[in-house]
Protein backbone atom coordinates (compact mmCIF):
# COMPACT_ATOMS: atom_id res chain seq x y z
CA MET A 1 5.19 65.87 117.99
CA SER A 2 5.37 66.15 114.29
CA THR A 3 8.55 67.09 112.47
CA HIS A 4 6.72 70.27 111.20
CA HIS A 5 6.03 71.53 114.66
CA LEU A 6 9.58 70.81 115.77
CA LEU A 7 10.92 72.71 112.81
CA ASP A 8 8.68 75.62 113.73
CA ARG A 9 9.97 75.45 117.16
CA ARG A 10 13.65 75.59 116.20
CA THR A 11 13.12 78.40 113.75
CA PHE A 12 11.18 80.34 116.37
CA LEU A 13 13.85 79.97 118.96
CA ALA A 14 16.57 80.86 116.57
CA ASP A 15 14.60 84.12 115.54
CA LEU A 16 14.58 85.16 119.17
CA GLY A 17 17.91 86.42 118.77
CA HIS A 18 21.51 85.22 119.40
CA GLY A 19 21.65 84.92 123.30
CA ALA A 20 23.51 82.01 124.71
CA VAL A 21 20.41 80.46 126.03
CA ALA A 22 18.54 80.50 122.78
CA LEU A 23 21.49 79.02 120.98
CA ALA A 24 21.93 76.33 123.55
CA ILE A 25 18.34 75.30 123.27
CA VAL A 26 18.23 75.32 119.52
CA GLY A 27 21.51 73.39 119.22
CA ILE A 28 20.13 70.59 121.50
CA ALA A 29 16.87 70.49 119.46
CA GLY A 30 18.39 70.45 116.16
CA CYS A 31 21.23 67.78 116.55
CA GLY A 32 21.34 64.11 117.52
CA PRO A 33 23.38 63.19 120.83
CA SER A 34 26.65 62.51 119.03
CA VAL A 35 26.45 66.00 117.38
CA ILE A 36 25.63 67.67 120.61
CA ALA A 37 28.64 66.25 122.25
CA SER A 38 30.95 67.89 119.82
CA LEU A 39 29.50 71.42 120.00
CA ALA A 40 31.23 73.72 122.55
CA PRO A 41 29.02 76.43 124.25
CA THR A 42 29.52 79.99 123.43
CA SER A 43 30.24 82.48 126.12
CA SER A 44 28.76 85.51 124.67
CA ALA A 45 25.71 86.49 122.53
CA ALA A 46 27.72 87.62 119.57
CA PRO A 47 28.60 84.96 116.87
CA ARG A 48 32.35 84.28 116.62
CA PRO A 49 33.78 83.67 113.29
CA THR A 50 36.61 81.09 113.23
CA PRO A 51 39.06 81.39 110.31
CA SER A 52 39.61 77.98 108.81
CA PRO A 53 42.01 77.93 105.72
CA GLY A 54 41.52 75.27 103.18
CA SER A 55 44.33 73.92 100.97
CA ALA A 56 45.20 75.75 97.72
CA GLY A 57 44.32 74.11 94.33
CA PRO A 58 45.19 74.74 90.83
CA GLY A 59 43.03 77.10 88.53
CA THR A 60 40.56 75.46 86.23
CA PRO A 61 38.89 76.59 83.13
CA SER A 62 35.50 78.31 83.25
CA PRO A 63 32.74 76.07 84.35
CA THR A 64 30.01 74.80 82.05
CA GLY A 65 26.38 74.01 82.93
CA LYS A 66 23.07 75.67 83.68
CA ALA A 67 24.38 77.63 86.52
CA ALA A 68 27.90 78.44 85.55
CA GLY A 69 29.98 81.04 87.44
CA PRO A 70 33.15 83.05 86.89
CA PRO A 71 36.59 81.49 86.03
CA ALA A 72 38.30 79.80 88.73
CA SER A 73 41.87 80.85 90.04
CA ALA A 74 43.96 79.89 92.97
CA PRO A 75 43.75 82.66 95.64
CA PRO A 76 47.13 84.44 96.36
CA SER A 77 46.80 83.52 99.96
CA GLY A 78 46.31 79.89 99.48
CA ARG A 79 42.93 80.04 101.24
CA THR A 80 40.07 78.37 99.46
CA TRP A 81 37.42 78.25 102.09
CA GLU A 82 36.43 80.07 105.25
CA ARG A 83 34.19 78.93 108.05
CA VAL A 84 31.62 81.36 109.54
CA ASN A 85 31.27 79.87 112.98
CA LEU A 86 27.89 80.94 114.43
CA GLY A 87 28.14 78.81 117.50
CA PHE A 88 25.78 75.81 116.90
CA VAL A 89 25.81 76.13 113.25
CA SER A 90 28.24 77.10 110.58
CA ALA A 91 28.02 78.92 107.14
CA TYR A 92 31.04 78.71 104.67
CA ILE A 93 32.67 81.06 102.12
CA LEU A 94 34.26 79.25 99.24
CA ILE A 95 36.90 81.42 97.47
CA ARG A 96 38.10 81.86 93.92
CA GLY A 97 40.78 84.57 93.90
CA GLY A 98 38.88 87.85 94.65
CA GLU A 99 35.41 86.35 94.34
CA ALA A 100 33.29 84.19 96.66
CA ALA A 101 30.39 81.90 96.93
CA LEU A 102 28.52 81.76 100.21
CA VAL A 103 26.99 78.43 101.20
CA ASP A 104 24.24 78.94 103.75
CA THR A 105 23.36 82.10 105.73
CA GLY A 106 22.80 81.00 109.26
CA VAL A 107 19.95 82.19 111.51
CA ALA A 108 18.36 85.57 111.26
CA GLY A 109 20.89 88.27 112.19
CA SER A 110 23.92 86.42 111.01
CA GLU A 111 24.82 88.98 108.41
CA ALA A 112 27.29 90.76 110.61
CA ALA A 113 29.31 87.54 111.37
CA ILE A 114 29.37 86.76 107.62
CA GLU A 115 30.58 90.25 106.85
CA SER A 116 33.32 89.81 109.54
CA SER A 117 34.46 86.66 107.90
CA LEU A 118 34.61 88.20 104.55
CA THR A 119 36.53 91.14 105.84
CA SER A 120 39.02 88.66 107.58
CA ILE A 121 39.98 87.25 104.06
CA GLY A 122 40.17 90.71 102.43
CA LEU A 123 36.67 90.57 100.71
CA GLY A 124 33.49 92.58 100.81
CA TRP A 125 29.86 91.94 99.94
CA SER A 126 30.69 92.97 96.30
CA ALA A 127 32.85 89.90 95.99
CA VAL A 128 29.83 87.53 96.78
CA GLY A 129 28.37 86.52 93.38
CA HIS A 130 26.63 83.25 94.51
CA VAL A 131 24.66 82.30 97.70
CA ILE A 132 23.82 78.56 97.85
CA ILE A 133 21.37 77.50 100.53
CA THR A 134 21.66 73.74 101.35
CA HIS A 135 18.21 73.42 102.76
CA SER A 136 15.21 75.57 103.99
CA HIS A 137 15.59 75.16 107.74
CA GLY A 138 15.84 78.47 109.47
CA ASP A 139 19.41 77.93 110.90
CA HIS A 140 20.68 77.75 107.41
CA SER A 141 18.48 80.15 105.47
CA GLY A 142 17.47 82.60 108.15
CA SER A 143 19.59 85.49 106.99
CA ARG A 144 19.03 85.10 103.37
CA ILE A 145 17.12 88.37 102.71
CA ALA A 146 19.59 90.38 104.63
CA VAL A 147 22.54 88.78 102.89
CA LEU A 148 20.95 89.48 99.48
CA GLU A 149 20.21 92.92 100.34
CA ARG A 150 24.05 93.49 100.97
CA ALA A 151 25.05 91.42 98.00
CA PRO A 152 22.46 92.56 95.40
CA ASP A 153 24.39 91.25 92.46
CA ALA A 154 24.49 87.81 93.97
CA THR A 155 22.37 84.86 92.52
CA ALA A 156 20.75 82.58 95.07
CA TYR A 157 20.35 78.73 94.64
CA ALA A 158 18.49 76.13 96.46
CA GLY A 159 17.06 72.62 95.88
CA ALA A 160 13.87 72.84 93.99
CA GLU A 161 11.77 71.02 96.62
CA ASP A 162 12.82 73.43 99.33
CA MET A 163 12.31 76.68 97.58
CA ALA A 164 8.67 77.12 98.56
CA GLY A 165 9.88 77.38 102.25
CA MET A 166 12.14 80.33 101.57
CA GLY A 167 10.17 83.35 100.49
CA GLY A 168 11.40 86.90 100.17
CA ILE A 169 14.08 86.37 97.72
CA GLU A 170 14.52 85.16 94.01
CA LEU A 171 15.88 81.61 93.94
CA THR A 172 17.23 79.59 91.12
CA ALA A 173 16.73 75.87 91.34
CA ALA A 174 19.98 73.92 91.46
CA GLY A 175 19.79 70.20 90.54
CA ASP A 176 22.11 67.26 90.63
CA GLY A 177 25.24 67.89 88.55
CA ASP A 178 24.58 71.64 88.07
CA ARG A 179 27.62 73.86 88.31
CA VAL A 180 27.70 77.27 90.29
CA PHE A 181 31.02 79.14 90.34
CA ASP A 182 32.96 76.03 89.29
CA LEU A 183 31.27 74.06 92.20
CA GLU A 184 29.13 71.10 91.49
CA ILE A 185 25.70 70.74 93.08
CA VAL A 186 24.98 67.26 94.57
CA THR A 187 21.37 66.54 95.53
CA THR A 188 21.25 64.90 99.11
CA PRO A 189 17.63 64.48 100.06
CA GLY A 190 16.53 63.04 103.38
CA HIS A 191 17.23 65.83 105.94
CA THR A 192 14.75 67.73 103.79
CA ALA A 193 13.39 66.76 100.41
CA GLY A 194 15.43 69.47 98.63
CA SER A 195 18.71 69.34 100.53
CA ILE A 196 21.82 69.83 98.51
CA SER A 197 25.51 69.67 98.98
CA VAL A 198 28.24 71.45 97.15
CA LEU A 199 31.49 69.82 95.83
CA ASP A 200 34.57 71.78 95.09
CA ALA A 201 36.31 69.23 93.14
CA VAL A 202 39.32 71.52 92.38
CA ASN A 203 40.31 71.81 95.97
CA GLY A 204 38.76 68.58 97.38
CA VAL A 205 36.18 70.22 99.64
CA LEU A 206 32.63 69.09 100.15
CA VAL A 207 30.09 71.36 101.98
CA ALA A 208 27.21 69.00 103.08
CA GLY A 209 24.81 71.22 105.01
CA ASP A 210 22.86 68.94 107.19
CA ALA A 211 23.15 65.98 105.03
CA LEU A 212 25.41 64.56 107.75
CA GLY A 213 27.27 66.11 110.88
CA THR A 214 30.51 65.48 112.52
CA ALA A 215 31.39 64.72 116.15
CA GLU A 216 34.75 63.91 117.63
CA GLY A 217 36.45 64.04 114.20
CA MET A 218 34.11 61.61 112.67
CA PRO A 219 31.07 62.01 110.28
CA VAL A 220 27.72 61.15 112.01
CA LEU A 221 24.07 60.96 110.87
CA PRO A 222 22.06 64.13 110.71
CA GLY A 223 19.78 64.77 113.83
CA ALA A 224 16.84 62.36 113.59
CA GLN A 225 14.44 64.78 115.26
CA PHE A 226 14.73 67.24 112.33
CA THR A 227 15.31 64.70 109.48
CA ALA A 228 12.31 64.17 107.36
CA ASP A 229 13.35 60.78 105.90
CA MET A 230 16.35 59.05 107.54
CA ASP A 231 16.47 56.16 105.24
CA GLU A 232 16.69 58.56 102.37
CA ALA A 233 19.26 60.59 104.29
CA LYS A 234 21.39 57.48 104.67
CA ARG A 235 21.18 56.83 100.85
CA SER A 236 22.40 60.33 100.41
CA ILE A 237 25.47 59.68 102.71
CA VAL A 238 26.36 56.61 100.71
CA LYS A 239 26.19 58.87 97.45
CA LEU A 240 28.59 61.37 99.12
CA GLY A 241 30.91 58.69 100.14
CA GLY A 242 31.36 57.80 96.51
CA LEU A 243 32.78 61.21 95.68
CA THR A 244 36.34 62.39 95.80
CA PHE A 245 37.18 65.03 98.42
CA GLU A 246 39.54 65.42 101.20
CA THR A 247 37.79 68.05 103.37
CA LEU A 248 34.18 67.87 104.82
CA LEU A 249 32.39 71.01 106.01
CA VAL A 250 29.11 70.52 107.80
CA GLY A 251 26.38 72.67 109.32
CA HIS A 252 26.77 71.14 112.88
CA GLY A 253 30.19 69.97 114.00
CA ASP A 254 33.80 70.83 113.14
CA PRO A 255 35.43 70.44 109.86
CA ILE A 256 37.20 67.21 108.89
CA GLU A 257 40.32 68.36 106.79
CA THR A 258 42.00 64.94 106.02
CA GLY A 259 40.62 61.67 104.63
CA ALA A 260 36.99 62.79 104.90
CA ALA A 261 35.61 60.94 101.87
CA ALA A 262 36.74 57.53 103.21
CA LEU A 263 35.14 58.28 106.49
CA VAL A 264 31.83 59.25 104.91
CA ALA A 265 31.91 56.07 102.87
CA GLU A 266 32.49 54.11 106.16
CA LEU A 267 29.63 55.82 107.72
CA GLY A 268 27.34 55.07 104.73
CA ALA A 269 28.23 51.40 104.75
CA THR A 270 27.61 50.91 108.46
CA ALA A 271 24.62 53.33 109.23
């Protein structure tokens, strides 16, 4: 079966709704065996956001670059990121004081879970100035239209090669080294041609989308069944392993909050 048809199948299943059966099927279809082993089944149809505080970091000057955002500042709570746990996939909120960037939007219908996570950290949709979509697959971009309807002042970004697969919204192409909200865009093709990752160098956090996953506290390769070019994906993992970060946030699997860069570098050297 072609990758195109597999992708259509996953997106179709995700769009059926958020029932436990649909999520279980999609999770198995979209992840490799090592990733599947790390994903706990959900017991209800509703997504369950899981608060995950990041480490505090110092404020920095206003970013420069083609896609610059507002000045950075350390949030009073010390929280710099929040996981939106949607069961088999996660989105993330990166926080600068009273402002936020949302990385990925989950499957269609995930806007309520995203709103719940925003509320849990004392923010609303008006605080979301940037929406960064790591790649075009429906489990990461499915709620893009609903999210941008609720955050109409936000700018949406994606890798140029994936933009054609995400209609219904206005997108700004984000290339290697571009800056959004004091975050650095890192191109990580392989899972899709236009896959991007997001580096928060100030706080030592990397959001990798599906450039790789995690299982049992270790980074793992993305699911081969839904990866367009695994050799290219491995090269992207080597690239990520050369960056400086402490915390790794991925679409499929739990965050790694300590020593993540060294573990990614090890995966890149052995994959």
